[in-house]
Protein backbone atom coordinates (compact mmCIF):
# COMPACT_ATOMS: atom_id res chain seq x y z
CA MET A 1 -3.23 224.34 13.65
CA LYS A 2 -1.62 225.10 10.29
CA LEU A 3 1.57 223.45 11.47
CA CYS A 4 -0.34 220.25 12.29
CA VAL A 5 -1.94 220.22 8.88
CA VAL A 6 1.44 220.68 7.22
CA LEU A 7 3.02 217.93 9.29
CA ALA A 8 0.11 215.60 8.53
CA ALA A 9 0.47 216.31 4.83
CA ILE A 10 4.19 215.59 5.00
CA GLY A 11 3.47 212.33 6.83
CA VAL A 12 0.97 211.23 4.21
CA ALA A 13 3.39 212.09 1.43
CA LEU A 14 6.18 210.15 3.15
CA LEU A 15 4.00 207.08 3.59
CA ALA A 16 2.92 207.29 -0.03
CA SER A 17 6.53 207.41 -1.15
CA LEU A 18 7.40 204.40 0.96
CA ALA A 19 4.41 202.35 -0.17
CA GLY A 20 4.26 203.71 -3.70
CA PRO A 21 3.96 201.64 -6.85
CA VAL A 22 6.79 199.33 -7.83
CA SER A 23 8.86 200.89 -10.60
CA ALA A 24 9.88 199.26 -13.87
CA GLU A 25 13.42 199.11 -12.48
CA ASP A 26 12.24 197.18 -9.41
CA ALA A 27 10.40 194.73 -11.63
CA GLN A 28 13.44 194.41 -13.87
CA SER A 29 15.55 193.17 -10.95
CA TYR A 30 12.95 190.54 -9.98
CA PRO A 31 13.74 187.92 -8.83
CA SER A 32 16.67 188.92 -6.64
CA LYS A 33 16.34 185.96 -4.28
CA PRO A 34 14.91 182.38 -4.37
CA VAL A 35 11.20 181.96 -5.14
CA ARG A 36 9.08 179.31 -3.43
CA ILE A 37 6.31 177.46 -5.25
CA PHE A 38 3.79 175.71 -2.98
CA ILE A 39 2.21 172.65 -4.62
CA PRO A 40 -0.99 171.00 -3.31
CA TYR A 41 0.14 167.53 -4.48
CA GLY A 42 2.67 164.98 -3.35
CA ALA A 43 5.92 164.42 -5.22
CA GLY A 44 5.70 162.39 -8.43
CA GLY A 45 2.17 163.24 -9.53
CA VAL A 46 1.33 164.89 -12.84
CA GLY A 47 0.92 168.32 -11.23
CA ASP A 48 4.19 168.01 -9.34
CA LEU A 49 6.14 166.79 -12.39
CA THR A 50 4.86 169.63 -14.56
CA VAL A 51 5.87 172.33 -12.10
CA ARG A 52 9.29 170.75 -11.54
CA LEU A 53 9.98 170.97 -15.27
CA LEU A 54 8.94 174.63 -15.20
CA ALA A 55 10.85 175.45 -11.99
CA GLN A 56 14.05 174.03 -13.44
CA LYS A 57 13.73 176.17 -16.55
CA LEU A 58 12.79 179.28 -14.54
CA SER A 59 15.83 178.79 -12.30
CA GLU A 60 18.06 178.68 -15.38
CA SER A 61 16.56 181.71 -17.10
CA ALA A 62 16.01 183.95 -14.05
CA GLY A 63 19.29 183.27 -12.30
CA GLN A 64 17.53 182.47 -9.02
CA GLN A 65 16.26 179.18 -7.66
CA PHE A 66 12.55 178.40 -7.94
CA VAL A 67 12.11 175.97 -5.06
CA ILE A 68 9.27 173.43 -4.92
CA GLU A 69 7.51 172.89 -1.60
CA ASN A 70 4.94 170.08 -1.60
CA ARG A 71 1.99 170.61 0.75
CA PRO A 72 -0.67 168.05 -0.16
CA GLY A 73 -3.97 167.71 1.66
CA ALA A 74 -7.05 169.67 2.70
CA GLY A 75 -8.19 170.15 -0.87
CA GLY A 76 -5.24 172.41 -1.69
CA SER A 77 -5.79 174.61 1.36
CA LEU A 78 -2.40 173.87 2.98
CA SER A 79 -0.57 174.85 -0.18
CA ALA A 80 -2.65 177.98 -0.74
CA LYS A 81 -2.12 179.19 2.81
CA GLY A 82 1.63 178.85 2.35
CA ALA A 83 1.51 181.57 -0.29
CA LEU A 84 -1.19 183.61 1.44
CA GLY A 85 0.86 183.73 4.64
CA ALA A 86 3.79 185.33 2.86
CA GLU A 87 4.40 188.90 1.71
CA PRO A 88 2.70 189.89 -1.58
CA ASP A 89 6.00 190.34 -3.37
CA GLY A 90 6.12 187.53 -5.91
CA TYR A 91 8.55 185.39 -3.93
CA SER A 92 5.93 182.91 -2.67
CA LEU A 93 3.72 181.36 -5.33
CA ALA A 94 0.98 178.74 -5.24
CA LEU A 95 0.08 176.17 -7.86
CA THR A 96 -3.62 176.73 -8.44
CA GLY A 97 -6.01 175.69 -11.17
CA ASN A 98 -8.86 173.31 -11.75
CA GLY A 99 -8.43 171.76 -8.30
CA GLN A 100 -8.86 175.14 -6.61
CA ALA A 101 -11.89 175.91 -8.78
CA ILE A 102 -13.47 172.68 -7.53
CA SER A 103 -12.49 173.29 -3.90
CA MET A 104 -14.25 176.66 -3.83
CA THR A 105 -17.58 174.79 -3.85
CA LEU A 106 -16.59 171.37 -2.55
CA PHE A 107 -15.28 172.62 0.78
CA LYS A 108 -17.77 174.75 2.67
CA GLY A 109 -16.32 177.27 5.07
CA ARG A 110 -13.13 177.80 3.06
CA SER A 111 -11.19 180.67 4.64
CA TYR A 112 -10.00 182.23 1.38
CA ASP A 113 -11.28 183.00 -2.11
CA VAL A 114 -9.01 181.97 -4.97
CA LEU A 115 -10.33 184.84 -7.12
CA THR A 116 -9.95 187.70 -4.65
CA ASP A 117 -7.09 186.54 -2.40
CA PHE A 118 -4.75 185.64 -5.24
CA ALA A 119 -3.24 187.49 -8.18
CA GLN A 120 -3.29 185.09 -11.12
CA VAL A 121 0.00 184.90 -13.02
CA SER A 122 -0.30 182.36 -15.85
CA ILE A 123 -1.78 179.03 -16.78
CA THR A 124 1.10 176.56 -17.04
CA ALA A 125 -0.37 173.26 -18.25
CA THR A 126 -3.55 171.59 -19.45
CA PHE A 127 -4.36 167.90 -19.63
CA GLU A 128 -7.41 165.90 -20.62
CA MET A 129 -9.22 162.98 -19.03
CA LEU A 130 -9.07 159.47 -20.49
CA LEU A 131 -11.96 157.00 -20.30
CA ALA A 132 -10.46 153.52 -19.99
CA VAL A 133 -11.63 149.88 -19.94
CA LYS A 134 -9.65 146.68 -19.58
CA ASN A 135 -8.23 145.35 -22.83
CA GLU A 136 -10.66 142.43 -22.98
CA SER A 137 -13.73 144.53 -22.21
CA ARG A 138 -16.90 143.91 -24.20
CA PHE A 139 -17.14 147.68 -24.67
CA LYS A 140 -15.42 148.50 -27.95
CA ASN A 141 -16.32 152.18 -28.02
CA LEU A 142 -18.04 154.80 -25.90
CA GLN A 143 -21.38 154.26 -27.62
CA ASP A 144 -21.34 150.64 -26.38
CA VAL A 145 -20.97 151.98 -22.84
CA LEU A 146 -23.83 154.43 -23.24
CA ASP A 147 -26.13 151.82 -24.79
CA PHE A 148 -25.44 149.39 -21.93
CA ALA A 149 -26.02 152.04 -19.27
CA LYS A 150 -29.35 153.09 -20.77
CA LYS A 151 -30.58 149.50 -21.01
CA ASN A 152 -29.29 148.58 -17.54
CA PRO A 153 -29.81 151.54 -15.15
CA GLY A 154 -27.44 151.44 -12.18
CA LYS A 155 -25.42 148.47 -13.46
CA LEU A 156 -22.53 150.35 -15.06
CA THR A 157 -19.65 151.03 -12.63
CA LEU A 158 -17.16 153.87 -12.98
CA GLY A 159 -13.88 154.13 -11.05
CA ALA A 160 -11.88 157.25 -10.19
CA ILE A 161 -9.62 158.50 -7.41
CA ASN A 162 -10.51 160.66 -4.41
CA PRO A 163 -14.05 162.04 -4.05
CA GLY A 164 -13.95 165.65 -5.20
CA SER A 165 -10.91 165.21 -7.44
CA THR A 166 -11.09 166.24 -11.10
CA GLN A 167 -11.12 162.55 -12.02
CA ASN A 168 -14.00 161.82 -9.65
CA LEU A 169 -16.03 164.83 -10.72
CA SER A 170 -15.38 163.98 -14.36
CA ALA A 171 -17.15 160.68 -13.71
CA TYR A 172 -20.10 162.56 -12.21
CA LEU A 173 -20.14 164.96 -15.15
CA PHE A 174 -20.15 161.95 -17.50
CA LYS A 175 -23.15 160.56 -15.66
CA GLN A 176 -24.98 163.89 -15.71
CA THR A 177 -24.15 164.72 -19.33
CA ALA A 178 -25.16 161.28 -20.62
CA GLY A 179 -28.30 161.21 -18.50
CA ILE A 180 -27.60 157.72 -17.17
CA GLU A 181 -27.72 155.98 -13.79
CA VAL A 182 -24.35 154.54 -12.79
CA ALA A 183 -22.39 153.60 -9.68
CA ILE A 184 -19.26 155.72 -9.11
CA ILE A 185 -16.62 153.93 -7.04
CA PRO A 186 -13.85 155.99 -5.35
CA PHE A 187 -10.26 154.77 -4.97
CA LYS A 188 -7.22 156.23 -3.24
CA THR A 189 -4.76 155.90 -6.13
CA THR A 190 -4.71 155.44 -9.89
CA PRO A 191 -2.99 152.02 -9.63
CA GLU A 192 -6.00 150.90 -7.56
CA VAL A 193 -8.29 152.08 -10.35
CA VAL A 194 -6.27 150.06 -12.89
CA THR A 195 -6.36 146.98 -10.65
CA ALA A 196 -10.12 147.32 -10.26
CA LEU A 197 -10.50 147.57 -14.03
CA LEU A 198 -8.42 144.45 -14.63
CA ARG A 199 -10.33 142.47 -11.97
CA GLY A 200 -13.66 143.57 -13.37
CA ASP A 201 -14.60 145.45 -10.19
CA VAL A 202 -15.42 148.52 -12.32
CA ASP A 203 -16.37 148.77 -15.98
CA MET A 204 -14.63 152.02 -16.83
CA GLY A 205 -11.98 154.22 -15.22
CA PHE A 206 -11.24 157.95 -15.39
CA ASP A 207 -7.75 159.44 -15.11
CA PHE A 208 -5.06 161.43 -16.90
CA TYR A 209 -2.57 160.02 -19.39
CA ALA A 210 0.32 160.14 -16.92
CA GLY A 211 -1.66 157.95 -14.52
CA PHE A 212 -2.68 155.38 -17.13
CA GLN A 213 0.54 155.50 -19.15
CA GLY A 214 2.08 152.26 -17.84
CA ALA A 215 -1.11 150.23 -18.24
CA ILE A 216 -1.60 151.61 -21.77
CA SER A 217 1.97 150.68 -22.75
CA ASP A 218 1.51 147.15 -21.34
CA ARG A 219 -1.80 146.85 -23.22
CA GLN A 220 -3.66 146.09 -20.04
CA ILE A 221 -6.23 148.77 -20.69
CA ARG A 222 -7.79 150.43 -23.73
CA ILE A 223 -8.80 154.05 -24.02
CA LEU A 224 -12.29 154.45 -25.44
CA ALA A 225 -12.28 158.23 -25.58
CA SER A 226 -10.49 161.35 -24.41
CA SER A 227 -12.25 164.34 -22.90
CA GLY A 228 -10.44 167.16 -24.68
CA GLU A 229 -11.63 169.35 -27.51
CA HIS A 230 -9.16 167.64 -29.86
CA ARG A 231 -7.73 164.14 -30.14
CA SER A 232 -4.60 163.40 -28.15
CA PRO A 233 -1.42 163.15 -30.27
CA LEU A 234 -0.28 160.34 -27.95
CA LEU A 235 -3.30 158.13 -28.67
CA ASN A 236 -3.56 157.40 -32.36
CA GLY A 237 -7.10 156.74 -33.48
CA VAL A 238 -8.75 157.39 -30.10
CA PRO A 239 -11.77 159.71 -30.60
CA THR A 240 -12.91 162.41 -28.24
CA ALA A 241 -16.06 161.97 -26.18
CA VAL A 242 -17.67 164.65 -28.35
CA GLU A 243 -16.97 162.57 -31.46
CA SER A 244 -18.30 159.50 -29.65
CA GLY A 245 -21.79 160.85 -29.02
CA LEU A 246 -21.45 163.18 -26.02
CA PRO A 247 -21.33 166.69 -27.53
CA ASP A 248 -21.32 168.43 -24.12
CA TYR A 249 -18.65 166.30 -22.46
CA VAL A 250 -15.42 168.28 -22.61
CA VAL A 251 -13.09 168.16 -19.60
CA THR A 252 -9.69 169.83 -19.71
CA SER A 253 -7.97 170.08 -16.37
CA TRP A 254 -5.27 172.70 -15.84
CA ASN A 255 -2.74 174.20 -13.48
CA GLY A 256 -1.33 177.69 -13.13
CA LEU A 257 0.75 179.90 -10.87
CA SER A 258 -0.70 182.51 -8.52
CA SER A 259 0.76 185.01 -6.08
CA ARG A 260 -0.90 186.62 -3.10
CA ALA A 261 -3.30 189.44 -4.00
CA GLY A 262 -1.60 192.78 -3.69
CA THR A 263 1.54 191.65 -5.49
CA PRO A 264 2.58 194.71 -7.54
CA ASP A 265 1.41 194.46 -11.13
CA PRO A 266 4.91 195.03 -12.61
CA ILE A 267 6.11 191.98 -10.65
CA VAL A 268 3.14 189.91 -11.86
CA ARG A 269 3.86 190.98 -15.44
CA LYS A 270 7.59 190.18 -15.13
CA LEU A 271 6.80 186.79 -13.64
CA ASN A 272 4.23 186.13 -16.35
CA LYS A 273 6.82 186.86 -19.03
CA LEU A 274 9.34 184.52 -17.37
CA VAL A 275 6.77 181.71 -17.14
CA VAL A 276 5.42 182.07 -20.69
CA THR A 277 8.95 182.14 -22.13
CA ALA A 278 10.07 179.12 -20.07
CA LEU A 279 7.07 177.09 -21.25
CA GLU A 280 8.05 177.71 -24.87
CA ASP A 281 11.32 175.83 -24.41
CA PRO A 282 11.39 172.87 -26.89
CA VAL A 283 12.96 170.46 -24.37
CA LEU A 284 10.33 171.29 -21.74
CA GLN A 285 7.60 170.94 -24.38
CA GLU A 286 8.80 167.49 -25.39
CA LYS A 287 9.04 166.23 -21.81
CA ALA A 288 5.58 167.57 -20.98
CA GLN A 289 4.02 166.03 -24.07
CA ARG A 290 5.35 162.61 -23.08
CA LEU A 291 3.28 162.96 -19.91
CA GLY A 292 0.17 163.87 -21.88
CA ILE A 293 0.48 167.52 -20.88
CA GLU A 294 0.16 170.60 -23.05
CA ALA A 295 2.53 173.15 -21.55
CA ARG A 296 1.47 176.64 -22.56
CA GLY A 297 1.27 179.97 -20.77
CA SER A 298 -1.44 182.61 -20.74
CA THR A 299 -2.04 186.19 -19.68
CA PRO A 300 -3.00 186.82 -16.04
CA GLU A 301 -6.41 187.96 -17.29
CA ALA A 302 -7.00 184.72 -19.22
CA MET A 303 -6.11 182.64 -16.18
CA ARG A 304 -8.49 184.58 -13.97
CA GLU A 305 -11.27 184.20 -16.54
CA ARG A 306 -10.63 180.46 -16.75
CA MET A 307 -10.71 180.15 -12.97
CA ALA A 308 -14.02 182.04 -12.70
CA HIS A 309 -15.55 179.93 -15.47
CA ASP A 310 -14.50 176.63 -13.90
CA ILE A 311 -15.71 177.61 -10.43
CA LEU A 312 -19.20 178.04 -11.87
CA ARG A 313 -18.99 174.91 -13.99
CA TRP A 314 -17.90 172.55 -11.22
CA ARG A 315 -20.27 174.18 -8.75
CA GLY A 316 -23.13 172.91 -10.90
CA VAL A 317 -21.72 169.37 -10.97
CA ILE A 318 -21.00 169.30 -7.23
CA GLU A 319 -24.37 170.68 -6.19
CA LYS A 320 -26.27 168.34 -8.49
CA ALA A 321 -24.32 165.38 -7.07
CA ASN A 322 -24.71 166.72 -3.49
CA LEU A 323 -21.00 166.30 -2.79
CA ALA A 324 -20.03 169.43 -0.82
CA VAL A 325 -18.26 168.84 2.51
CA THR A 326 -17.07 171.03 5.38
CA GLU A 327 -13.36 171.86 5.43
C-alpha cells in the first residue's frame, strides 16, 4: 500500500516536472521556429496590410519568419479556429480585435469565446471611421446631414460594406446616437460604396481612410467628419463627429494579436515585447500613418479590457438593430 502511494507521488511529481511552467530561459529562446499569423481578411485590405508591415518587422527583429495566412469568411471564425486548433505555444497567432468583439454577438452559436479561449497579446493598430459624401453634395457639414434627417424621416440613405462589419455597425450607431430614421444600404466592397455615393444612390458613406483614400485624392468625395476622439492628421480641417454635434459618437476600430489560451505567460510577455518594440519602428509608423492607421502596442491586460468593453458596446448596437444571425 505504501509502495503504491510512493509510486503515485513519484508519478505526479514527474508529470508536474514535464508540464511545469515555462522558464525565463525558454521564453528567451522564443521564437525558435516560424510563427503563423491567421488573418480573418483577404489580402490587400487595411487589416491585412497592417499585419504584413508588423510581420516583416517581427521577422527581422526575432530572427524567425512570421508568416501570414489569410482565412477570410465566417465572421472571423475560420481564422480564429486556425489558431485554436494549434498548440498553445505562441507559434500560431490570430488577428483579433473589433471584428471579433462584434462577432461574439452577431453570430449566435459561436463555438468559441474570444475572451476565454484566447490569450490576448497586444493591440497592434487603431483606425477611425470617415463619414463621406460626394464632392458636389448639398451637405457641407455633419449638422446639415442631421438637420435634413430630422426634417425628413427615412429619406437619408447611408452606405457601408457587409452587414455586421464595423463600417455597417458604425452606420447603425450613427442612426441610434443621432436619434434619426434613415435607410442603411449594404454593399460588398468599398469601391461600390464610392460608386453609389457618386451616382447619388446613397447620401453618405462610412469606411476607413485606406478604403476612401483614392476617392479623397481624386476629390470625388468629401469627408464631413471622422469618428475618432481626435482629428485625423491626414485630413486637415476635418472635424470629429463629437465636434460636429454628436458628443456620443466615437468609433475607433482596432486589431490585435492573440494566441490560444493556455500559452505560457512568459511566452505571451516575450511576444508582447517583440510586438510593442516592432510597432515603434519609425519606418513602420510612417507607412501605417499613410494608410490612416495608428500603429501602437499595448499590454495584454489592456487588450483584454478593450475586447471586453467592445463586446458589450457592440452587443447593444446589434441587439437594438436586431441584426444577430446564426453562424
